[in-house]
Amino acid sequence: MWRWVLVTAVAPVAWGTNYFVTRAFLPEGHPLYGAAIRALPAGVLLLAVCRKLPRGVWWWRSVVLGVLNMGGFFALVYVAAQRLPTSLASVVMALSPLVMAVFAWALVGERPRVAHLAGAAVGAAGVGLMLLTASVAVDGIGVLASAGAMAMSSFGYVLAKRWSGGGGRPGGGVDVLSATAWQLTAGGLLLVPCAVAVEGAPPVLDGRAVLGFGYVAVVATAVAFAAWFAGLRRLPAATVGLVGLLNPVTGVVLGTALSGEALGMREGCGLLLVLGGVVLGRPSAGAGRPAARFRGRGGRSAGEKAKGEARAGVCGG
């Protein structure tokens, strides 16, 4: 199980590097175009790798997941970024492990362990200690947008787990890369008209911006989301949510390293709390199995039908 924790950790670490890449390489004032340029090429790249189009119910499922995990999520993050300091938005997003645990219990029967809940609380407190200051301004609409983005993505991640075969449910032959590609492509296509309506003409990209978007699309989106959804199939959603707290940790550590300054006592204690929360919610034996027995067609339990799937590679489902 720890192998899949490390695979999953690729995603939040890559997302954490986005803070630096966005500031250093990408044009300002075009967050929706930035999200579309990030999501759509990443989806097309994964489609080129797996060479599969959706079939049957996966046409509408891809649209739903594309809205929840990409398009709608990015749009709400855009609103939050316009109205909230990054520190407060990050703290709101740090509540996602708790929300994911609740959704996972309801949707895939994963009863959260006490260690998961304790780890989520400790991790969220650590993020707050790292980032919050007494001078943070609170905007009601911004908080609602940030909370909506957190709830939307948490629900979307667990729904992707349910539909794609996580939590002991059969995956219907849909591998991780294909399901990820469809979500990214659908979300990117939905973001394009939103960007045109809100931001007007697309930004002009110089060489630095092209390199930056190349990194963001390939590493921080295509590779990161493939690793994230692979982890969701094989680990409890509560554990995956806790691993996601490495996102702000990466941003703080990278920013400190690039600025040449040492971490302060408050930031250092917060970082240790976040890492402690992740370790506290580590997967146990039998992790990822649902509390309830789900049965597929023919009367076999979903766990029995999925026995052979656990050893499959990322592209093999």
C-alpha atoms as a PDB file:
ATOM      1  CA  MET A   1       0.000   0.000   0.000  1.00  0.00           C
ATOM      2  CA  TRP A   2       2.840   2.417   0.693  1.00  0.00           C
ATOM      3  CA  ARG A   3       3.860   2.120  -2.958  1.00  0.00           C
ATOM      4  CA  TRP A   4       0.501   3.613  -3.942  1.00  0.00           C
ATOM      5  CA  VAL A   5       0.863   6.335  -1.308  1.00  0.00           C
ATOM      6  CA  LEU A   6       4.108   7.367  -2.996  1.00  0.00           C
ATOM      7  CA  VAL A   7       2.484   7.216  -6.433  1.00  0.00           C
ATOM      8  CA  THR A   8      -0.403   9.366  -5.196  1.00  0.00           C
ATOM      9  CA  ALA A   9       2.021  11.846  -3.623  1.00  0.00           C
ATOM     10  CA  VAL A  10       3.324  12.690  -7.116  1.00  0.00           C
ATOM     11  CA  ALA A  11       0.097  14.656  -7.685  1.00  0.00           C
ATOM     12  CA  PRO A  12       0.095  17.130  -4.758  1.00  0.00           C
ATOM     13  CA  VAL A  13       3.856  17.628  -5.022  1.00  0.00           C
ATOM     14  CA  ALA A  14       3.479  18.470  -8.729  1.00  0.00           C
ATOM     15  CA  TRP A  15       0.500  20.732  -7.965  1.00  0.00           C
ATOM     16  CA  GLY A  16       2.559  22.473  -5.294  1.00  0.00           C
ATOM     17  CA  THR A  17       5.174  23.443  -7.896  1.00  0.00           C
ATOM     18  CA  ASN A  18       2.432  25.236  -9.858  1.00  0.00           C
ATOM     19  CA  TYR A  19       2.674  28.228  -7.513  1.00  0.00           C
ATOM     20  CA  PHE A  20       6.240  28.950  -8.606  1.00  0.00           C
ATOM     21  CA  VAL A  21       5.726  28.097 -12.292  1.00  0.00           C
ATOM     22  CA  THR A  22       2.602  30.274 -12.494  1.00  0.00           C
ATOM     23  CA  ARG A  23       4.319  33.281 -10.961  1.00  0.00           C
ATOM     24  CA  ALA A  24       7.577  32.883 -12.883  1.00  0.00           C
ATOM     25  CA  PHE A  25       6.444  31.795 -16.343  1.00  0.00           C
ATOM     26  CA  LEU A  26       2.739  32.277 -17.009  1.00  0.00           C
ATOM     27  CA  PRO A  27       0.930  35.494 -18.027  1.00  0.00           C
ATOM     28  CA  GLU A  28      -1.149  37.259 -15.381  1.00  0.00           C
ATOM     29  CA  GLY A  29      -4.858  37.982 -15.551  1.00  0.00           C
ATOM     30  CA  HIS A  30      -5.986  34.932 -17.538  1.00  0.00           C
ATOM     31  CA  PRO A  31      -6.744  32.189 -14.989  1.00  0.00           C
ATOM     32  CA  LEU A  32      -9.561  30.591 -17.027  1.00  0.00           C
ATOM     33  CA  TYR A  33      -7.490  30.492 -20.198  1.00  0.00           C
ATOM     34  CA  GLY A  34      -4.657  29.156 -18.076  1.00  0.00           C
ATOM     35  CA  ALA A  35      -6.895  26.384 -16.744  1.00  0.00           C
ATOM     36  CA  ALA A  36      -8.139  25.521 -20.249  1.00  0.00           C
ATOM     37  CA  ILE A  37      -4.613  25.471 -21.684  1.00  0.00           C
ATOM     38  CA  ARG A  38      -3.612  23.299 -18.749  1.00  0.00           C
ATOM     39  CA  ALA A  39      -6.470  20.777 -18.938  1.00  0.00           C
ATOM     40  CA  LEU A  40      -7.185  20.347 -22.650  1.00  0.00           C
ATOM     41  CA  PRO A  41      -3.646  19.560 -23.904  1.00  0.00           C
ATOM     42  CA  ALA A  42      -3.157  17.207 -20.942  1.00  0.00           C
ATOM     43  CA  GLY A  43      -6.350  15.339 -21.845  1.00  0.00           C
ATOM     44  CA  VAL A  44      -5.373  15.124 -25.526  1.00  0.00           C
ATOM     45  CA  LEU A  45      -1.905  13.853 -24.538  1.00  0.00           C
ATOM     46  CA  LEU A  46      -3.374  11.049 -22.426  1.00  0.00           C
ATOM     47  CA  LEU A  47      -5.841  10.234 -25.211  1.00  0.00           C
ATOM     48  CA  ALA A  48      -2.888   9.845 -27.583  1.00  0.00           C
ATOM     49  CA  VAL A  49      -1.234   7.464 -25.117  1.00  0.00           C
ATOM     50  CA  CYS A  50      -4.246   5.212 -24.473  1.00  0.00           C
ATOM     51  CA  ARG A  51      -6.045   5.708 -27.803  1.00  0.00           C
ATOM     52  CA  LYS A  52      -9.487   5.093 -26.371  1.00  0.00           C
ATOM     53  CA  LEU A  53     -12.697   7.079 -26.627  1.00  0.00           C
ATOM     54  CA  PRO A  54     -15.532   6.841 -24.107  1.00  0.00           C
ATOM     55  CA  ARG A  55     -18.174   4.201 -24.671  1.00  0.00           C
ATOM     56  CA  GLY A  56     -21.741   3.963 -23.424  1.00  0.00           C
ATOM     57  CA  VAL A  57     -22.323   5.651 -20.080  1.00  0.00           C
ATOM     58  CA  TRP A  58     -18.785   6.982 -20.036  1.00  0.00           C
ATOM     59  CA  TRP A  59     -19.723   9.770 -22.457  1.00  0.00           C
ATOM     60  CA  TRP A  60     -21.939  11.489 -19.884  1.00  0.00           C
ATOM     61  CA  ARG A  61     -19.852  10.323 -16.934  1.00  0.00           C
ATOM     62  CA  SER A  62     -16.795  12.007 -18.440  1.00  0.00           C
ATOM     63  CA  VAL A  63     -18.712  15.266 -18.767  1.00  0.00           C
ATOM     64  CA  VAL A  64     -19.952  15.087 -15.167  1.00  0.00           C
ATOM     65  CA  LEU A  65     -16.480  14.309 -13.810  1.00  0.00           C
ATOM     66  CA  GLY A  66     -14.924  16.896 -16.124  1.00  0.00           C
ATOM     67  CA  VAL A  67     -17.195  19.562 -14.618  1.00  0.00           C
ATOM     68  CA  LEU A  68     -16.678  18.463 -11.013  1.00  0.00           C
ATOM     69  CA  ASN A  69     -12.926  17.806 -11.082  1.00  0.00           C
ATOM     70  CA  MET A  70     -11.737  20.222 -13.765  1.00  0.00           C
ATOM     71  CA  GLY A  71     -14.081  22.806 -15.336  1.00  0.00           C
ATOM     72  CA  GLY A  72     -16.349  23.785 -12.452  1.00  0.00           C
ATOM     73  CA  PHE A  73     -13.560  23.344  -9.937  1.00  0.00           C
ATOM     74  CA  PHE A  74     -11.200  25.661 -11.818  1.00  0.00           C
ATOM     75  CA  ALA A  75     -13.947  28.262 -12.279  1.00  0.00           C
ATOM     76  CA  LEU A  76     -14.695  28.379  -8.551  1.00  0.00           C
ATOM     77  CA  VAL A  77     -10.992  28.492  -7.727  1.00  0.00           C
ATOM     78  CA  TYR A  78     -10.802  31.485 -10.084  1.00  0.00           C
ATOM     79  CA  VAL A  79     -13.507  33.306  -8.096  1.00  0.00           C
ATOM     80  CA  ALA A  80     -11.834  32.415  -4.796  1.00  0.00           C
ATOM     81  CA  ALA A  81      -8.442  33.611  -6.066  1.00  0.00           C
ATOM     82  CA  GLN A  82      -9.959  36.974  -6.989  1.00  0.00           C
ATOM     83  CA  ARG A  83     -11.522  37.541  -3.572  1.00  0.00           C
ATOM     84  CA  LEU A  84      -9.372  35.698  -1.010  1.00  0.00           C
ATOM     85  CA  PRO A  85      -5.713  35.625   0.003  1.00  0.00           C
ATOM     86  CA  THR A  86      -4.031  32.405  -1.121  1.00  0.00           C
ATOM     87  CA  SER A  87      -3.408  31.484   2.515  1.00  0.00           C
ATOM     88  CA  LEU A  88      -7.093  31.476   3.478  1.00  0.00           C
ATOM     89  CA  ALA A  89      -8.123  29.658   0.285  1.00  0.00           C
ATOM     90  CA  SER A  90      -5.501  26.981   1.004  1.00  0.00           C
ATOM     91  CA  VAL A  91      -6.791  26.501   4.538  1.00  0.00           C
ATOM     92  CA  VAL A  92     -10.350  26.037   3.255  1.00  0.00           C
ATOM     93  CA  MET A  93      -9.084  23.487   0.717  1.00  0.00           C
ATOM     94  CA  ALA A  94      -7.197  21.720   3.516  1.00  0.00           C
ATOM     95  CA  LEU A  95     -10.573  20.558   4.856  1.00  0.00           C
ATOM     96  CA  SER A  96     -10.964  18.297   1.810  1.00  0.00           C
ATOM     97  CA  PRO A  97      -9.644  15.123   3.547  1.00  0.00           C
ATOM     98  CA  LEU A  98     -12.546  15.290   6.020  1.00  0.00           C
ATOM     99  CA  VAL A  99     -15.077  15.947   3.251  1.00  0.00           C
ATOM    100  CA  MET A 100     -13.653  13.180   1.066  1.00  0.00           C
ATOM    101  CA  ALA A 101     -13.904  10.761   3.980  1.00  0.00           C
ATOM    102  CA  VAL A 102     -17.608  11.563   4.376  1.00  0.00           C
ATOM    103  CA  PHE A 103     -18.318  11.210   0.643  1.00  0.00           C
ATOM    104  CA  ALA A 104     -16.342   7.952   0.497  1.00  0.00           C
ATOM    105  CA  TRP A 105     -18.402   6.523   3.346  1.00  0.00           C
ATOM    106  CA  ALA A 106     -21.642   7.462   1.562  1.00  0.00           C
ATOM    107  CA  LEU A 107     -20.678   6.527  -2.005  1.00  0.00           C
ATOM    108  CA  VAL A 108     -18.280   3.582  -1.775  1.00  0.00           C
ATOM    109  CA  GLY A 109     -18.846   2.303   1.762  1.00  0.00           C
ATOM    110  CA  GLU A 110     -15.396   3.230   3.107  1.00  0.00           C
ATOM    111  CA  ARG A 111     -15.962   3.824   6.802  1.00  0.00           C
ATOM    112  CA  PRO A 112     -13.336   6.355   7.953  1.00  0.00           C
ATOM    113  CA  ARG A 113     -11.023   5.196  10.712  1.00  0.00           C
ATOM    114  CA  VAL A 114     -10.381   7.340  13.761  1.00  0.00           C
ATOM    115  CA  ALA A 115      -6.793   7.712  12.555  1.00  0.00           C
ATOM    116  CA  HIS A 116      -8.062   9.156   9.245  1.00  0.00           C
ATOM    117  CA  LEU A 117     -10.202  11.752  11.001  1.00  0.00           C
ATOM    118  CA  ALA A 118      -7.480  12.638  13.483  1.00  0.00           C
ATOM    119  CA  GLY A 119      -4.923  12.921  10.678  1.00  0.00           C
ATOM    120  CA  ALA A 120      -7.233  15.202   8.691  1.00  0.00           C
ATOM    121  CA  ALA A 121      -7.752  17.488  11.700  1.00  0.00           C
ATOM    122  CA  VAL A 122      -4.027  17.623  12.502  1.00  0.00           C
ATOM    123  CA  GLY A 123      -3.142  18.234   8.859  1.00  0.00           C
ATOM    124  CA  ALA A 124      -5.674  21.053   8.457  1.00  0.00           C
ATOM    125  CA  ALA A 125      -4.369  22.670  11.651  1.00  0.00           C
ATOM    126  CA  GLY A 126      -0.840  22.417  10.262  1.00  0.00           C
ATOM    127  CA  VAL A 127      -1.820  24.144   7.014  1.00  0.00           C
ATOM    128  CA  GLY A 128      -3.474  26.917   9.011  1.00  0.00           C
ATOM    129  CA  LEU A 129      -0.365  27.329  11.168  1.00  0.00           C
ATOM    130  CA  MET A 130       1.871  27.511   8.092  1.00  0.00           C
ATOM    131  CA  LEU A 131      -0.196  29.990   6.129  1.00  0.00           C
ATOM    132  CA  LEU A 132      -2.656  31.987   8.225  1.00  0.00           C
ATOM    133  CA  THR A 133      -1.771  35.304   9.805  1.00  0.00           C
ATOM    134  CA  ALA A 134      -3.792  37.673  11.952  1.00  0.00           C
ATOM    135  CA  SER A 135      -4.135  40.137   9.056  1.00  0.00           C
ATOM    136  CA  VAL A 136      -5.933  37.774   6.662  1.00  0.00           C
ATOM    137  CA  ALA A 137      -9.040  39.451   5.187  1.00  0.00           C
ATOM    138  CA  VAL A 138     -12.205  37.355   4.942  1.00  0.00           C
ATOM    139  CA  ASP A 139     -14.619  37.765   2.031  1.00  0.00           C
ATOM    140  CA  GLY A 140     -17.878  35.822   2.277  1.00  0.00           C
ATOM    141  CA  ILE A 141     -18.287  35.151  -1.437  1.00  0.00           C
ATOM    142  CA  GLY A 142     -14.644  34.117  -1.711  1.00  0.00           C
ATOM    143  CA  VAL A 143     -14.993  31.684   1.186  1.00  0.00           C
ATOM    144  CA  LEU A 144     -18.139  30.200  -0.359  1.00  0.00           C
ATOM    145  CA  ALA A 145     -16.376  29.824  -3.720  1.00  0.00           C
ATOM    146  CA  SER A 146     -13.380  28.150  -2.113  1.00  0.00           C
ATOM    147  CA  ALA A 147     -15.591  25.859  -0.030  1.00  0.00           C
ATOM    148  CA  GLY A 148     -17.649  25.043  -3.129  1.00  0.00           C
ATOM    149  CA  ALA A 149     -14.510  24.164  -5.090  1.00  0.00           C
ATOM    150  CA  MET A 150     -13.316  21.951  -2.243  1.00  0.00           C
ATOM    151  CA  ALA A 151     -16.676  20.167  -1.905  1.00  0.00           C
ATOM    152  CA  MET A 152     -17.112  19.821  -5.682  1.00  0.00           C
ATOM    153  CA  SER A 153     -13.694  18.267  -6.249  1.00  0.00           C
ATOM    154  CA  SER A 154     -13.976  16.024  -3.174  1.00  0.00           C
ATOM    155  CA  PHE A 155     -17.306  14.685  -4.419  1.00  0.00           C
ATOM    156  CA  GLY A 156     -15.931  14.352  -7.956  1.00  0.00           C
ATOM    157  CA  TYR A 157     -12.865  12.408  -6.843  1.00  0.00           C
ATOM    158  CA  VAL A 158     -14.927   9.914  -4.867  1.00  0.00           C
ATOM    159  CA  LEU A 159     -17.484   9.646  -7.681  1.00  0.00           C
ATOM    160  CA  ALA A 160     -14.617   8.868 -10.076  1.00  0.00           C
ATOM    161  CA  LYS A 161     -13.481   6.180  -7.628  1.00  0.00           C
ATOM    162  CA  ARG A 162     -16.979   4.673  -7.555  1.00  0.00           C
ATOM    163  CA  TRP A 163     -17.461   4.734 -11.324  1.00  0.00           C
ATOM    164  CA  SER A 164     -13.931   3.634 -12.215  1.00  0.00           C
ATOM    165  CA  GLY A 165     -13.694   0.610  -9.986  1.00  0.00           C
ATOM    166  CA  GLY A 166     -12.290   1.877  -6.681  1.00  0.00           C
ATOM    167  CA  GLY A 167     -13.664   0.814  -3.325  1.00  0.00           C
ATOM    168  CA  GLY A 168     -14.032  -2.807  -4.430  1.00  0.00           C
ATOM    169  CA  ARG A 169     -16.277  -1.997  -7.377  1.00  0.00           C
ATOM    170  CA  PRO A 170     -15.526  -3.385 -10.834  1.00  0.00           C
ATOM    171  CA  GLY A 171     -14.094  -0.818 -13.235  1.00  0.00           C
ATOM    172  CA  GLY A 172     -16.047  -1.891 -16.289  1.00  0.00           C
ATOM    173  CA  GLY A 173     -12.828  -2.238 -18.284  1.00  0.00           C
ATOM    174  CA  VAL A 174     -11.961   1.474 -18.017  1.00  0.00           C
ATOM    175  CA  ASP A 175      -8.296   2.020 -17.187  1.00  0.00           C
ATOM    176  CA  VAL A 176      -6.966   4.941 -15.181  1.00  0.00           C
ATOM    177  CA  LEU A 177      -5.321   6.829 -18.033  1.00  0.00           C
ATOM    178  CA  SER A 178      -8.407   6.679 -20.251  1.00  0.00           C
ATOM    179  CA  ALA A 179     -10.770   7.826 -17.502  1.00  0.00           C
ATOM    180  CA  THR A 180      -8.362  10.654 -16.600  1.00  0.00           C
ATOM    181  CA  ALA A 181      -7.981  11.674 -20.255  1.00  0.00           C
ATOM    182  CA  TRP A 182     -11.743  11.877 -20.762  1.00  0.00           C
ATOM    183  CA  GLN A 183     -12.228  14.035 -17.666  1.00  0.00           C
ATOM    184  CA  LEU A 184      -9.438  16.439 -18.603  1.00  0.00           C
ATOM    185  CA  THR A 185     -10.614  16.740 -22.192  1.00  0.00           C
ATOM    186  CA  ALA A 186     -14.242  17.329 -21.215  1.00  0.00           C
ATOM    187  CA  GLY A 187     -13.266  19.832 -18.533  1.00  0.00           C
ATOM    188  CA  GLY A 188     -10.910  21.669 -20.884  1.00  0.00           C
ATOM    189  CA  LEU A 189     -13.542  21.898 -23.638  1.00  0.00           C
ATOM    190  CA  LEU A 190     -16.042  23.317 -21.142  1.00  0.00           C
ATOM    191  CA  LEU A 191     -13.515  25.891 -19.907  1.00  0.00           C
ATOM    192  CA  VAL A 192     -12.812  27.346 -23.364  1.00  0.00           C
ATOM    193  CA  PRO A 193     -16.185  29.128 -23.849  1.00  0.00           C
ATOM    194  CA  CYS A 194     -16.093  30.302 -20.218  1.00  0.00           C
ATOM    195  CA  ALA A 195     -12.658  31.825 -20.794  1.00  0.00           C
ATOM    196  CA  VAL A 196     -13.801  33.550 -23.992  1.00  0.00           C
ATOM    197  CA  ALA A 197     -16.895  34.980 -22.270  1.00  0.00           C
ATOM    198  CA  VAL A 198     -15.088  36.193 -19.135  1.00  0.00           C
ATOM    199  CA  GLU A 199     -11.576  37.060 -20.320  1.00  0.00           C
ATOM    200  CA  GLY A 200     -12.058  37.937 -23.993  1.00  0.00           C
ATOM    201  CA  ALA A 201      -9.185  37.326 -26.362  1.00  0.00           C
ATOM    202  CA  PRO A 202      -6.608  34.692 -25.354  1.00  0.00           C
ATOM    203  CA  PRO A 203      -3.242  35.867 -24.031  1.00  0.00           C
ATOM    204  CA  VAL A 204      -0.195  36.128 -26.263  1.00  0.00           C
ATOM    205  CA  LEU A 205       2.353  33.515 -25.168  1.00  0.00           C
ATOM    206  CA  ASP A 206       6.105  34.062 -25.361  1.00  0.00           C
ATOM    207  CA  GLY A 207       8.722  31.328 -25.143  1.00  0.00           C
ATOM    208  CA  ARG A 208       8.782  31.297 -21.340  1.00  0.00           C
ATOM    209  CA  ALA A 209       5.005  30.972 -21.154  1.00  0.00           C
ATOM    210  CA  VAL A 210       5.011  28.098 -23.654  1.00  0.00           C
ATOM    211  CA  LEU A 211       7.623  26.270 -21.569  1.00  0.00           C
ATOM    212  CA  GLY A 212       5.649  26.975 -18.403  1.00  0.00           C
ATOM    213  CA  PHE A 213       2.389  25.705 -19.863  1.00  0.00           C
ATOM    214  CA  GLY A 214       4.237  22.668 -21.218  1.00  0.00           C
ATOM    215  CA  TYR A 215       5.373  21.776 -17.708  1.00  0.00           C
ATOM    216  CA  VAL A 216       1.972  22.501 -16.179  1.00  0.00           C
ATOM    217  CA  ALA A 217       0.070  20.471 -18.798  1.00  0.00           C
ATOM    218  CA  VAL A 218       2.394  17.452 -18.917  1.00  0.00           C
ATOM    219  CA  VAL A 219       3.780  17.126 -15.383  1.00  0.00           C
ATOM    220  CA  ALA A 220       1.382  19.011 -13.103  1.00  0.00           C
ATOM    221  CA  THR A 221      -1.776  17.875 -14.901  1.00  0.00           C
ATOM    222  CA  ALA A 222      -1.448  14.775 -17.110  1.00  0.00           C
ATOM    223  CA  VAL A 223       1.033  12.900 -14.918  1.00  0.00           C
ATOM    224  CA  ALA A 224      -0.316  14.327 -11.650  1.00  0.00           C
ATOM    225  CA  PHE A 225      -3.982  13.499 -12.242  1.00  0.00           C
ATOM    226  CA  ALA A 226      -3.118  10.025 -13.569  1.00  0.00           C
ATOM    227  CA  ALA A 227      -1.179   9.353 -10.347  1.00  0.00           C
ATOM    228  CA  TRP A 228      -3.994  10.843  -8.233  1.00  0.00           C
ATOM    229  CA  PHE A 229      -6.744   8.705  -9.764  1.00  0.00           C
ATOM    230  CA  ALA A 230      -4.516   5.612  -9.685  1.00  0.00           C
ATOM    231  CA  GLY A 231      -4.121   6.139  -5.956  1.00  0.00           C
ATOM    232  CA  LEU A 232      -7.869   6.653  -5.535  1.00  0.00           C
ATOM    233  CA  ARG A 233      -8.533   3.215  -7.037  1.00  0.00           C
ATOM    234  CA  ARG A 234      -6.239   1.432  -4.634  1.00  0.00           C
ATOM    235  CA  LEU A 235      -6.315   3.456  -1.417  1.00  0.00           C
ATOM    236  CA  PRO A 236      -9.084   4.710   0.859  1.00  0.00           C
ATOM    237  CA  ALA A 237     -10.275   8.128  -0.254  1.00  0.00           C
ATOM    238  CA  ALA A 238      -9.545   9.466   3.240  1.00  0.00           C
ATOM    239  CA  THR A 239      -5.885   8.474   2.873  1.00  0.00           C
ATOM    240  CA  VAL A 240      -5.664  10.028  -0.592  1.00  0.00           C
ATOM    241  CA  GLY A 241      -7.183  13.249   0.752  1.00  0.00           C
ATOM    242  CA  LEU A 242      -4.519  13.407   3.462  1.00  0.00           C
ATOM    243  CA  VAL A 243      -1.745  12.860   0.913  1.00  0.00           C
ATOM    244  CA  GLY A 244      -3.183  15.872  -0.920  1.00  0.00           C
ATOM    245  CA  LEU A 245      -2.058  18.082   1.979  1.00  0.00           C
ATOM    246  CA  LEU A 246       1.453  17.787   0.544  1.00  0.00           C
ATOM    247  CA  ASN A 247       0.325  20.410  -1.994  1.00  0.00           C
ATOM    248  CA  PRO A 248       0.652  23.483   0.289  1.00  0.00           C
ATOM    249  CA  VAL A 249       3.694  21.915   1.972  1.00  0.00           C
ATOM    250  CA  THR A 250       5.455  21.739  -1.404  1.00  0.00           C
ATOM    251  CA  GLY A 251       4.488  25.318  -2.179  1.00  0.00           C
ATOM    252  CA  VAL A 252       5.855  26.600   1.145  1.00  0.00           C
ATOM    253  CA  VAL A 253       9.091  24.578   0.976  1.00  0.00           C
ATOM    254  CA  LEU A 254       9.766  25.478  -2.661  1.00  0.00           C
ATOM    255  CA  GLY A 255       9.000  29.154  -2.066  1.00  0.00           C
ATOM    256  CA  THR A 256      11.299  29.225   0.961  1.00  0.00           C
ATOM    257  CA  ALA A 257      14.088  27.449  -0.914  1.00  0.00           C
ATOM    258  CA  LEU A 258      13.882  29.836  -3.866  1.00  0.00           C
ATOM    259  CA  SER A 259      13.793  32.919  -1.636  1.00  0.00           C
ATOM    260  CA  GLY A 260      16.848  31.742   0.283  1.00  0.00           C
ATOM    261  CA  GLU A 261      15.128  32.204   3.649  1.00  0.00           C
ATOM    262  CA  ALA A 262      14.850  29.665   6.448  1.00  0.00           C
ATOM    263  CA  LEU A 263      11.475  28.424   7.612  1.00  0.00           C
ATOM    264  CA  GLY A 264      10.234  30.266  10.694  1.00  0.00           C
ATOM    265  CA  MET A 265       9.261  28.456  13.871  1.00  0.00           C
ATOM    266  CA  ARG A 266       5.529  28.756  13.096  1.00  0.00           C
ATOM    267  CA  GLU A 267       5.894  27.511   9.512  1.00  0.00           C
ATOM    268  CA  GLY A 268       8.181  24.672  10.613  1.00  0.00           C
ATOM    269  CA  CYS A 269       5.718  23.502  13.277  1.00  0.00           C
ATOM    270  CA  GLY A 270       2.875  23.678  10.767  1.00  0.00           C
ATOM    271  CA  LEU A 271       4.843  21.620   8.256  1.00  0.00           C
ATOM    272  CA  LEU A 272       5.555  18.947  10.878  1.00  0.00           C
ATOM    273  CA  LEU A 273       1.865  18.839  11.799  1.00  0.00           C
ATOM    274  CA  VAL A 274       0.869  18.302   8.171  1.00  0.00           C
ATOM    275  CA  LEU A 275       3.406  15.501   7.718  1.00  0.00           C
ATOM    276  CA  GLY A 276       2.281  13.995  11.010  1.00  0.00           C
ATOM    277  CA  GLY A 277      -1.332  14.060   9.843  1.00  0.00           C
ATOM    278  CA  VAL A 278      -0.407  12.274   6.609  1.00  0.00           C
ATOM    279  CA  VAL A 279       1.489   9.573   8.521  1.00  0.00           C
ATOM    280  CA  LEU A 280      -1.316   9.261  11.071  1.00  0.00           C
ATOM    281  CA  GLY A 281      -3.803   8.447   8.309  1.00  0.00           C
ATOM    282  CA  ARG A 282      -1.530   5.853   6.704  1.00  0.00           C
ATOM    283  CA  PRO A 283      -3.273   2.898   5.040  1.00  0.00           C
ATOM    284  CA  SER A 284      -3.740  -0.252   7.074  1.00  0.00           C
ATOM    285  CA  ALA A 285      -4.042  -3.859   6.003  1.00  0.00           C
ATOM    286  CA  GLY A 286      -7.073  -4.261   3.802  1.00  0.00           C
ATOM    287  CA  ALA A 287      -7.177  -0.540   3.074  1.00  0.00           C
ATOM    288  CA  GLY A 288      -9.375   0.458   0.207  1.00  0.00           C
ATOM    289  CA  ARG A 289     -11.965  -2.228   0.849  1.00  0.00           C
ATOM    290  CA  PRO A 290     -15.505  -0.969   1.396  1.00  0.00           C
ATOM    291  CA  ALA A 291     -17.293  -1.562   4.667  1.00  0.00           C
ATOM    292  CA  ALA A 292     -20.401  -2.783   2.885  1.00  0.00           C
ATOM    293  CA  ARG A 293     -20.593  -5.663   0.407  1.00  0.00           C
ATOM    294  CA  PHE A 294     -21.428  -4.481  -3.066  1.00  0.00           C
ATOM    295  CA  ARG A 295     -22.669  -7.084  -5.481  1.00  0.00           C
ATOM    296  CA  GLY A 296     -22.491  -6.950  -9.220  1.00  0.00           C
ATOM    297  CA  ARG A 297     -24.383  -8.972 -11.745  1.00  0.00           C
ATOM    298  CA  GLY A 298     -24.504 -12.695 -11.254  1.00  0.00           C
ATOM    299  CA  GLY A 299     -24.456 -12.404  -7.466  1.00  0.00           C
ATOM    300  CA  ARG A 300     -20.694 -12.197  -7.082  1.00  0.00           C
ATOM    301  CA  SER A 301     -19.404  -9.560  -4.689  1.00  0.00           C
ATOM    302  CA  ALA A 302     -17.584  -6.682  -6.285  1.00  0.00           C
ATOM    303  CA  GLY A 303     -14.550  -7.519  -4.180  1.00  0.00           C
ATOM    304  CA  GLU A 304     -14.435 -10.998  -5.732  1.00  0.00           C
ATOM    305  CA  LYS A 305     -14.831  -9.605  -9.221  1.00  0.00           C
ATOM    306  CA  ALA A 306     -12.038  -7.075  -8.636  1.00  0.00           C
ATOM    307  CA  LYS A 307      -9.496  -9.514  -7.164  1.00  0.00           C
ATOM    308  CA  GLY A 308      -7.468  -9.683 -10.321  1.00  0.00           C
ATOM    309  CA  GLU A 309      -7.513  -5.944 -10.896  1.00  0.00           C
ATOM    310  CA  ALA A 310      -5.270  -4.896  -8.015  1.00  0.00           C
ATOM    311  CA  ARG A 311      -2.108  -6.090  -9.783  1.00  0.00           C
ATOM    312  CA  ALA A 312      -2.925  -4.429 -13.101  1.00  0.00           C
ATOM    313  CA  GLY A 313      -0.802  -1.545 -14.346  1.00  0.00           C
ATOM    314  CA  VAL A 314      -2.031   2.031 -14.576  1.00  0.00           C
ATOM    315  CA  CYS A 315      -3.071   1.699 -18.212  1.00  0.00           C
ATOM    316  CA  GLY A 316      -4.415  -1.783 -17.755  1.00  0.00           C
ATOM    317  CA  GLY A 317      -7.087  -0.881 -15.214  1.00  0.00           C
END
